[in-house]
């Protein structure tokens, strides 16, 4: 059985476009984090009698932990690509 090999033509890539594409990917990948903060802001009320930071670290501590861990995972996954793109400039 014969296989057909195809070659990819190399185009001149723009490092700025690559950086923007990676930044957009990181933003999209962090949508769960942004949603967790949206929920915390949406459910907070000044009538609770505590400050927002205390509310975030006590009542919404699960959302805060999730946001920090998820952001770390995303930057661990996409960080090397972002650094590589920055170094090619």
PDB file of N, CA and C in Angstrom:
ATOM      1  N   UNK A   1       0.840  -1.162   0.000  1.00  0.00           N
ATOM      2  CA  UNK A   1       0.000   0.000   0.000  1.00  0.00           C
ATOM      3  C   UNK A   1       0.892   1.233   0.000  1.00  0.00           C
ATOM      4  N   UNK A   2       0.688   2.066  -0.921  1.00  0.00           N
ATOM      5  CA  UNK A   2       1.497   3.272  -1.048  1.00  0.00           C
ATOM      6  C   UNK A   2       0.867   4.395  -0.234  1.00  0.00           C
ATOM      7  N   UNK A   3       1.718   5.154   0.400  1.00  0.00           N
ATOM      8  CA  UNK A   3       1.227   6.313   1.141  1.00  0.00           C
ATOM      9  C   UNK A   3       1.688   7.569   0.442  1.00  0.00           C
ATOM     10  N   UNK A   4       0.860   8.519   0.475  1.00  0.00           N
ATOM     11  CA  UNK A   4       1.176   9.779  -0.173  1.00  0.00           C
ATOM     12  C   UNK A   4       1.617  10.767   0.903  1.00  0.00           C
ATOM     13  N   UNK A   5       2.795  11.301   0.732  1.00  0.00           N
ATOM     14  CA  UNK A   5       3.271  12.257   1.722  1.00  0.00           C
ATOM     15  C   UNK A   5       3.004  13.663   1.223  1.00  0.00           C
ATOM     16  N   UNK A   6       2.602  14.474   2.129  1.00  0.00           N
ATOM     17  CA  UNK A   6       2.359  15.864   1.764  1.00  0.00           C
ATOM     18  C   UNK A   6       3.291  16.739   2.569  1.00  0.00           C
ATOM     19  N   UNK A   7       3.733  17.774   1.948  1.00  0.00           N
ATOM     20  CA  UNK A   7       4.616  18.708   2.639  1.00  0.00           C
ATOM     21  C   UNK A   7       3.842  19.979   2.901  1.00  0.00           C
ATOM     22  N   UNK A   8       4.143  20.539   3.983  1.00  0.00           N
ATOM     23  CA  UNK A   8       3.488  21.782   4.364  1.00  0.00           C
ATOM     24  C   UNK A   8       4.347  22.935   3.875  1.00  0.00           C
ATOM     25  N   UNK A   9       3.734  23.843   3.201  1.00  0.00           N
ATOM     26  CA  UNK A   9       4.487  24.998   2.729  1.00  0.00           C
ATOM     27  C   UNK A   9       4.675  25.951   3.886  1.00  0.00           C
ATOM     28  N   UNK A  10       5.881  26.412   4.034  1.00  0.00           N
ATOM     29  CA  UNK A  10       6.146  27.328   5.140  1.00  0.00           C
ATOM     30  C   UNK A  10       5.859  28.750   4.682  1.00  0.00           C
ATOM     31  N   UNK A  11       5.044  29.396   5.445  1.00  0.00           N
ATOM     32  CA  UNK A  11       4.727  30.789   5.178  1.00  0.00           C
ATOM     33  C   UNK A  11       5.427  31.651   6.207  1.00  0.00           C
ATOM     34  N   UNK A  12       5.670  32.848   5.830  1.00  0.00           N
ATOM     35  CA  UNK A  12       6.252  33.785   6.774  1.00  0.00           C
ATOM     36  C   UNK A  12       5.200  34.111   7.817  1.00  0.00           C
ATOM     37  N   UNK A  13       5.496  33.796   9.067  1.00  0.00           N
ATOM     38  CA  UNK A  13       4.531  34.022  10.146  1.00  0.00           C
ATOM     39  C   UNK A  13       4.873  35.307  10.862  1.00  0.00           C
ATOM     40  N   UNK A  14       3.858  35.982  11.267  1.00  0.00           N
ATOM     41  CA  UNK A  14       4.009  37.232  11.979  1.00  0.00           C
ATOM     42  C   UNK A  14       3.987  36.944  13.487  1.00  0.00           C
ATOM     43  N   UNK A  15       5.074  37.248  14.206  1.00  0.00           N
ATOM     44  CA  UNK A  15       5.117  36.957  15.639  1.00  0.00           C
ATOM     45  C   UNK A  15       4.033  37.687  16.433  1.00  0.00           C
ATOM     46  N   UNK A  16       3.647  38.868  15.991  1.00  0.00           N
ATOM     47  CA  UNK A  16       2.601  39.602  16.699  1.00  0.00           C
ATOM     48  C   UNK A  16       1.270  38.869  16.591  1.00  0.00           C
ATOM     49  N   UNK A  17       0.967  38.347  15.415  1.00  0.00           N
ATOM     50  CA  UNK A  17      -0.263  37.582  15.242  1.00  0.00           C
ATOM     51  C   UNK A  17      -0.226  36.303  16.079  1.00  0.00           C
ATOM     52  N   UNK A  18       0.936  35.670  16.129  1.00  0.00           N
ATOM     53  CA  UNK A  18       1.065  34.470  16.953  1.00  0.00           C
ATOM     54  C   UNK A  18       0.824  34.789  18.424  1.00  0.00           C
ATOM     55  N   UNK A  19       1.389  35.880  18.899  1.00  0.00           N
ATOM     56  CA  UNK A  19       1.222  36.274  20.289  1.00  0.00           C
ATOM     57  C   UNK A  19      -0.242  36.582  20.592  1.00  0.00           C
ATOM     58  N   UNK A  20      -0.894  37.294  19.688  1.00  0.00           N
ATOM     59  CA  UNK A  20      -2.311  37.593  19.884  1.00  0.00           C
ATOM     60  C   UNK A  20      -3.162  36.330  19.863  1.00  0.00           C
ATOM     61  N   UNK A  21      -2.820  35.390  18.997  1.00  0.00           N
ATOM     62  CA  UNK A  21      -3.570  34.135  18.934  1.00  0.00           C
ATOM     63  C   UNK A  21      -3.414  33.351  20.230  1.00  0.00           C
ATOM     64  N   UNK A  22      -2.218  33.314  20.778  1.00  0.00           N
ATOM     65  CA  UNK A  22      -1.986  32.592  22.027  1.00  0.00           C
ATOM     66  C   UNK A  22      -2.677  33.305  23.182  1.00  0.00           C
ATOM     67  N   UNK A  23      -2.617  34.632  23.197  1.00  0.00           N
ATOM     68  CA  UNK A  23      -3.291  35.379  24.259  1.00  0.00           C
ATOM     69  C   UNK A  23      -4.799  35.156  24.209  1.00  0.00           C
ATOM     70  N   UNK A  24      -5.367  35.114  23.014  1.00  0.00           N
ATOM     71  CA  UNK A  24      -6.798  34.848  22.885  1.00  0.00           C
ATOM     72  C   UNK A  24      -7.128  33.427  23.325  1.00  0.00           C
ATOM     73  N   UNK A  25      -6.257  32.484  22.997  1.00  0.00           N
ATOM     74  CA  UNK A  25      -6.462  31.105  23.429  1.00  0.00           C
ATOM     75  C   UNK A  25      -6.429  31.002  24.950  1.00  0.00           C
ATOM     76  N   UNK A  26      -5.493  31.707  25.581  1.00  0.00           N
ATOM     77  CA  UNK A  26      -5.414  31.703  27.041  1.00  0.00           C
ATOM     78  C   UNK A  26      -6.677  32.321  27.635  1.00  0.00           C
ATOM     79  N   UNK A  27      -7.149  33.411  27.044  1.00  0.00           N
ATOM     80  CA  UNK A  27      -8.374  34.039  27.534  1.00  0.00           C
ATOM     81  C   UNK A  27      -9.563  33.093  27.412  1.00  0.00           C
ATOM     82  N   UNK A  28      -9.684  32.444  26.263  1.00  0.00           N
ATOM     83  CA  UNK A  28     -10.797  31.508  26.074  1.00  0.00           C
ATOM     84  C   UNK A  28     -10.685  30.303  26.997  1.00  0.00           C
ATOM     85  N   UNK A  29      -9.455  29.830  27.206  1.00  0.00           N
ATOM     86  CA  UNK A  29      -9.264  28.687  28.092  1.00  0.00           C
ATOM     87  C   UNK A  29      -9.560  29.054  29.541  1.00  0.00           C
ATOM     88  N   UNK A  30      -9.453  30.330  29.877  1.00  0.00           N
ATOM     89  CA  UNK A  30      -9.723  30.782  31.241  1.00  0.00           C
ATOM     90  C   UNK A  30     -11.168  31.211  31.448  1.00  0.00           C
ATOM     91  N   UNK A  31     -12.039  30.897  30.531  1.00  0.00           N
ATOM     92  CA  UNK A  31     -13.451  31.261  30.702  1.00  0.00           C
ATOM     93  C   UNK A  31     -14.060  30.671  31.983  1.00  0.00           C
ATOM     94  N   UNK A  32     -13.733  29.436  32.371  1.00  0.00           N
ATOM     95  CA  UNK A  32     -14.270  28.953  33.654  1.00  0.00           C
ATOM     96  C   UNK A  32     -13.823  29.805  34.845  1.00  0.00           C
ATOM     97  N   UNK A  33     -12.607  30.316  34.809  1.00  0.00           N
ATOM     98  CA  UNK A  33     -12.118  31.193  35.871  1.00  0.00           C
ATOM     99  C   UNK A  33     -12.901  32.500  35.883  1.00  0.00           C
ATOM    100  N   UNK A  34     -13.084  33.062  34.697  1.00  0.00           N
ATOM    101  CA  UNK A  34     -13.846  34.305  34.618  1.00  0.00           C
ATOM    102  C   UNK A  34     -15.283  34.094  35.098  1.00  0.00           C
ATOM    103  N   UNK A  35     -15.856  32.941  34.785  1.00  0.00           N
ATOM    104  CA  UNK A  35     -17.216  32.643  35.241  1.00  0.00           C
ATOM    105  C   UNK A  35     -17.266  32.499  36.761  1.00  0.00           C
ATOM    106  N   UNK A  36     -16.236  31.892  37.348  1.00  0.00           N
ATOM    107  CA  UNK A  36     -16.208  31.754  38.808  1.00  0.00           C
ATOM    108  C   UNK A  36     -16.171  33.129  39.477  1.00  0.00           C
ATOM    109  N   UNK A  37     -15.383  34.048  38.929  1.00  0.00           N
ATOM    110  CA  UNK A  37     -15.354  35.391  39.488  1.00  0.00           C
ATOM    111  C   UNK A  37     -16.659  36.140  39.223  1.00  0.00           C
ATOM    112  N   UNK A  38     -17.274  35.893  38.085  1.00  0.00           N
ATOM    113  CA  UNK A  38     -18.578  36.502  37.811  1.00  0.00           C
ATOM    114  C   UNK A  38     -19.612  36.057  38.844  1.00  0.00           C
ATOM    115  N   UNK A  39     -19.629  34.778  39.151  1.00  0.00           N
ATOM    116  CA  UNK A  39     -20.577  34.260  40.140  1.00  0.00           C
ATOM    117  C   UNK A  39     -20.313  34.896  41.501  1.00  0.00           C
ATOM    118  N   UNK A  40     -19.033  35.033  41.870  1.00  0.00           N
ATOM    119  CA  UNK A  40     -18.702  35.644  43.163  1.00  0.00           C
ATOM    120  C   UNK A  40     -19.155  37.095  43.207  1.00  0.00           C
ATOM    121  N   UNK A  41     -18.943  37.832  42.144  1.00  0.00           N
ATOM    122  CA  UNK A  41     -19.350  39.241  42.110  1.00  0.00           C
ATOM    123  C   UNK A  41     -20.871  39.355  42.080  1.00  0.00           C
ATOM    124  N   UNK A  42     -21.511  38.467  41.330  1.00  0.00           N
ATOM    125  CA  UNK A  42     -22.965  38.529  41.193  1.00  0.00           C
ATOM    126  C   UNK A  42     -23.689  38.178  42.495  1.00  0.00           C
ATOM    127  N   UNK A  43     -23.145  37.259  43.267  1.00  0.00           N
ATOM    128  CA  UNK A  43     -23.818  36.826  44.489  1.00  0.00           C
ATOM    129  C   UNK A  43     -23.461  37.675  45.704  1.00  0.00           C
ATOM    130  N   UNK A  44     -22.445  38.527  45.582  1.00  0.00           N
ATOM    131  CA  UNK A  44     -22.060  39.377  46.710  1.00  0.00           C
ATOM    132  C   UNK A  44     -23.066  40.511  46.885  1.00  0.00           C
ATOM    133  N   UNK A  45     -23.357  40.806  48.105  1.00  0.00           N
ATOM    134  CA  UNK A  45     -24.244  41.921  48.423  1.00  0.00           C
ATOM    135  C   UNK A  45     -23.649  42.666  49.611  1.00  0.00           C
ATOM    136  N   UNK A  46     -23.720  43.972  49.577  1.00  0.00           N
ATOM    137  CA  UNK A  46     -23.204  44.777  50.686  1.00  0.00           C
ATOM    138  C   UNK A  46     -24.020  44.550  51.948  1.00  0.00           C
ATOM    139  N   UNK A  47     -25.224  44.028  51.808  1.00  0.00           N
ATOM    140  CA  UNK A  47     -26.072  43.755  52.969  1.00  0.00           C
ATOM    141  C   UNK A  47     -25.556  42.598  53.824  1.00  0.00           C
ATOM    142  N   UNK A  48     -24.564  41.873  53.306  1.00  0.00           N
ATOM    143  CA  UNK A  48     -24.025  40.742  54.063  1.00  0.00           C
ATOM    144  C   UNK A  48     -23.255  41.194  55.297  1.00  0.00           C
ATOM    145  N   UNK A  49     -22.780  42.427  55.272  1.00  0.00           N
ATOM    146  CA  UNK A  49     -22.073  42.957  56.430  1.00  0.00           C
ATOM    147  C   UNK A  49     -20.596  42.619  56.456  1.00  0.00           C
ATOM    148  N   UNK A  50     -20.085  42.010  55.404  1.00  0.00           N
ATOM    149  CA  UNK A  50     -18.652  41.716  55.325  1.00  0.00           C
ATOM    150  C   UNK A  50     -18.123  42.288  54.010  1.00  0.00           C
ATOM    151  N   UNK A  51     -16.832  42.505  53.972  1.00  0.00           N
ATOM    152  CA  UNK A  51     -16.215  43.021  52.758  1.00  0.00           C
ATOM    153  C   UNK A  51     -16.145  41.960  51.671  1.00  0.00           C
ATOM    154  N   UNK A  52     -15.911  42.421  50.458  1.00  0.00           N
ATOM    155  CA  UNK A  52     -15.873  41.487  49.330  1.00  0.00           C
ATOM    156  C   UNK A  52     -14.723  40.494  49.449  1.00  0.00           C
ATOM    157  N   UNK A  53     -13.560  40.959  49.908  1.00  0.00           N
ATOM    158  CA  UNK A  53     -12.410  40.056  50.033  1.00  0.00           C
ATOM    159  C   UNK A  53     -12.699  38.946  51.036  1.00  0.00           C
ATOM    160  N   UNK A  54     -13.312  39.289  52.163  1.00  0.00           N
ATOM    161  CA  UNK A  54     -13.654  38.276  53.153  1.00  0.00           C
ATOM    162  C   UNK A  54     -14.708  37.320  52.596  1.00  0.00           C
ATOM    163  N   UNK A  55     -15.677  37.849  51.860  1.00  0.00           N
ATOM    164  CA  UNK A  55     -16.703  37.008  51.224  1.00  0.00           C
ATOM    165  C   UNK A  55     -16.064  36.049  50.233  1.00  0.00           C
ATOM    166  N   UNK A  56     -15.114  36.565  49.467  1.00  0.00           N
ATOM    167  CA  UNK A  56     -14.446  35.733  48.464  1.00  0.00           C
ATOM    168  C   UNK A  56     -13.619  34.635  49.108  1.00  0.00           C
ATOM    169  N   UNK A  57     -12.965  34.929  50.233  1.00  0.00           N
ATOM    170  CA  UNK A  57     -12.092  33.938  50.863  1.00  0.00           C
ATOM    171  C   UNK A  57     -12.825  32.999  51.820  1.00  0.00           C
ATOM    172  N   UNK A  58     -14.054  33.319  52.182  1.00  0.00           N
ATOM    173  CA  UNK A  58     -14.788  32.411  53.068  1.00  0.00           C
ATOM    174  C   UNK A  58     -15.909  31.704  52.326  1.00  0.00           C
ATOM    175  N   UNK A  59     -16.923  32.432  51.950  1.00  0.00           N
ATOM    176  CA  UNK A  59     -18.088  31.822  51.311  1.00  0.00           C
ATOM    177  C   UNK A  59     -17.756  31.257  49.927  1.00  0.00           C
ATOM    178  N   UNK A  60     -16.991  31.992  49.154  1.00  0.00           N
ATOM    179  CA  UNK A  60     -16.681  31.575  47.791  1.00  0.00           C
ATOM    180  C   UNK A  60     -15.265  30.997  47.684  1.00  0.00           C
ATOM    181  N   UNK A  61     -14.767  30.420  48.757  1.00  0.00           N
ATOM    182  CA  UNK A  61     -13.394  29.916  48.737  1.00  0.00           C
ATOM    183  C   UNK A  61     -13.221  28.789  47.724  1.00  0.00           C
ATOM    184  N   UNK A  62     -14.244  27.985  47.514  1.00  0.00           N
ATOM    185  CA  UNK A  62     -14.162  26.927  46.508  1.00  0.00           C
ATOM    186  C   UNK A  62     -13.986  27.495  45.115  1.00  0.00           C
ATOM    187  N   UNK A  63     -14.726  28.554  44.813  1.00  0.00           N
ATOM    188  CA  UNK A  63     -14.594  29.200  43.505  1.00  0.00           C
ATOM    189  C   UNK A  63     -13.219  29.835  43.357  1.00  0.00           C
ATOM    190  N   UNK A  64     -12.709  30.411  44.430  1.00  0.00           N
ATOM    191  CA  UNK A  64     -11.386  31.037  44.383  1.00  0.00           C
ATOM    192  C   UNK A  64     -10.296  29.988  44.169  1.00  0.00           C
ATOM    193  N   UNK A  65     -10.383  28.885  44.870  1.00  0.00           N
ATOM    194  CA  UNK A  65      -9.397  27.805  44.695  1.00  0.00           C
ATOM    195  C   UNK A  65      -9.463  27.253  43.285  1.00  0.00           C
ATOM    196  N   UNK A  66     -10.681  27.029  42.786  1.00  0.00           N
ATOM    197  CA  UNK A  66     -10.840  26.550  41.417  1.00  0.00           C
ATOM    198  C   UNK A  66     -10.222  27.523  40.423  1.00  0.00           C
ATOM    199  N   UNK A  67     -10.470  28.816  40.598  1.00  0.00           N
ATOM    200  CA  UNK A  67      -9.953  29.811  39.664  1.00  0.00           C
ATOM    201  C   UNK A  67      -8.433  29.825  39.647  1.00  0.00           C
ATOM    202  N   UNK A  68      -7.816  29.755  40.813  1.00  0.00           N
ATOM    203  CA  UNK A  68      -6.360  29.776  40.889  1.00  0.00           C
ATOM    204  C   UNK A  68      -5.768  28.508  40.263  1.00  0.00           C
ATOM    205  N   UNK A  69      -6.331  27.360  40.583  1.00  0.00           N
ATOM    206  CA  UNK A  69      -5.817  26.108  40.010  1.00  0.00           C
ATOM    207  C   UNK A  69      -6.017  26.051  38.498  1.00  0.00           C
ATOM    208  N   UNK A  70      -7.187  26.447  38.031  1.00  0.00           N
ATOM    209  CA  UNK A  70      -7.460  26.399  36.593  1.00  0.00           C
ATOM    210  C   UNK A  70      -6.530  27.347  35.831  1.00  0.00           C
ATOM    211  N   UNK A  71      -6.314  28.550  36.379  1.00  0.00           N
ATOM    212  CA  UNK A  71      -5.416  29.493  35.725  1.00  0.00           C
ATOM    213  C   UNK A  71      -3.996  28.936  35.675  1.00  0.00           C
ATOM    214  N   UNK A  72      -3.562  28.280  36.724  1.00  0.00           N
ATOM    215  CA  UNK A  72      -2.242  27.659  36.727  1.00  0.00           C
ATOM    216  C   UNK A  72      -2.119  26.580  35.681  1.00  0.00           C
ATOM    217  N   UNK A  73      -3.150  25.765  35.534  1.00  0.00           N
ATOM    218  CA  UNK A  73      -3.134  24.710  34.524  1.00  0.00           C
ATOM    219  C   UNK A  73      -3.062  25.307  33.131  1.00  0.00           C
ATOM    220  N   UNK A  74      -3.839  26.340  32.882  1.00  0.00           N
ATOM    221  CA  UNK A  74      -3.851  26.971  31.557  1.00  0.00           C
ATOM    222  C   UNK A  74      -2.489  27.587  31.239  1.00  0.00           C
ATOM    223  N   UNK A  75      -1.909  28.302  32.189  1.00  0.00           N
ATOM    224  CA  UNK A  75      -0.604  28.908  31.925  1.00  0.00           C
ATOM    225  C   UNK A  75       0.493  27.858  31.823  1.00  0.00           C
ATOM    226  N   UNK A  76       0.354  26.757  32.531  1.00  0.00           N
ATOM    227  CA  UNK A  76       1.323  25.669  32.382  1.00  0.00           C
ATOM    228  C   UNK A  76       1.220  25.057  30.992  1.00  0.00           C
ATOM    229  N   UNK A  77       0.001  24.971  30.467  1.00  0.00           N
ATOM    230  CA  UNK A  77      -0.199  24.375  29.148  1.00  0.00           C
ATOM    231  C   UNK A  77       0.226  25.315  28.017  1.00  0.00           C
ATOM    232  N   UNK A  78      -0.095  26.594  28.127  1.00  0.00           N
ATOM    233  CA  UNK A  78       0.160  27.522  27.033  1.00  0.00           C
ATOM    234  C   UNK A  78       1.363  28.426  27.257  1.00  0.00           C
ATOM    235  N   UNK A  79       1.941  28.413  28.427  1.00  0.00           N
ATOM    236  CA  UNK A  79       3.080  29.267  28.715  1.00  0.00           C
ATOM    237  C   UNK A  79       4.278  29.053  27.801  1.00  0.00           C
ATOM    238  N   UNK A  80       4.698  27.794  27.574  1.00  0.00           N
ATOM    239  CA  UNK A  80       5.850  27.585  26.694  1.00  0.00           C
ATOM    240  C   UNK A  80       5.624  28.117  25.271  1.00  0.00           C
ATOM    241  N   UNK A  81       4.416  27.989  24.752  1.00  0.00           N
ATOM    242  CA  UNK A  81       4.129  28.517  23.411  1.00  0.00           C
ATOM    243  C   UNK A  81       4.214  30.032  23.403  1.00  0.00           C
ATOM    244  N   UNK A  82       3.748  30.665  24.478  1.00  0.00           N
ATOM    245  CA  UNK A  82       3.813  32.115  24.561  1.00  0.00           C
ATOM    246  C   UNK A  82       5.251  32.592  24.667  1.00  0.00           C
ATOM    247  N   UNK A  83       6.063  31.904  25.439  1.00  0.00           N
ATOM    248  CA  UNK A  83       7.475  32.275  25.574  1.00  0.00           C
ATOM    249  C   UNK A  83       8.212  32.071  24.251  1.00  0.00           C
ATOM    250  N   UNK A  84       7.921  30.965  23.571  1.00  0.00           N
ATOM    251  CA  UNK A  84       8.556  30.697  22.283  1.00  0.00           C
ATOM    252  C   UNK A  84       8.203  31.767  21.262  1.00  0.00           C
ATOM    253  N   UNK A  85       6.965  32.201  21.243  1.00  0.00           N
ATOM    254  CA  UNK A  85       6.550  33.246  20.321  1.00  0.00           C
ATOM    255  C   UNK A  85       7.226  34.569  20.652  1.00  0.00           C
ATOM    256  N   UNK A  86       7.347  34.846  21.938  1.00  0.00           N
ATOM    257  CA  UNK A  86       8.013  36.087  22.348  1.00  0.00           C
ATOM    258  C   UNK A  86       9.499  36.063  21.967  1.00  0.00           C
ATOM    259  N   UNK A  87      10.127  34.918  22.075  1.00  0.00           N
ATOM    260  CA  UNK A  87      11.549  34.816  21.754  1.00  0.00           C
ATOM    261  C   UNK A  87      11.808  34.936  20.250  1.00  0.00           C
ATOM    262  N   UNK A  88      10.824  34.629  19.422  1.00  0.00           N
ATOM    263  CA  UNK A  88      11.003  34.716  17.967  1.00  0.00           C
ATOM    264  C   UNK A  88      10.874  36.134  17.453  1.00  0.00           C
ATOM    265  N   UNK A  89      10.478  37.068  18.274  1.00  0.00           N
ATOM    266  CA  UNK A  89      10.308  38.467  17.831  1.00  0.00           C
ATOM    267  C   UNK A  89      11.603  39.099  17.458  1.00  0.00           C
TER     268      UNK A  89
END
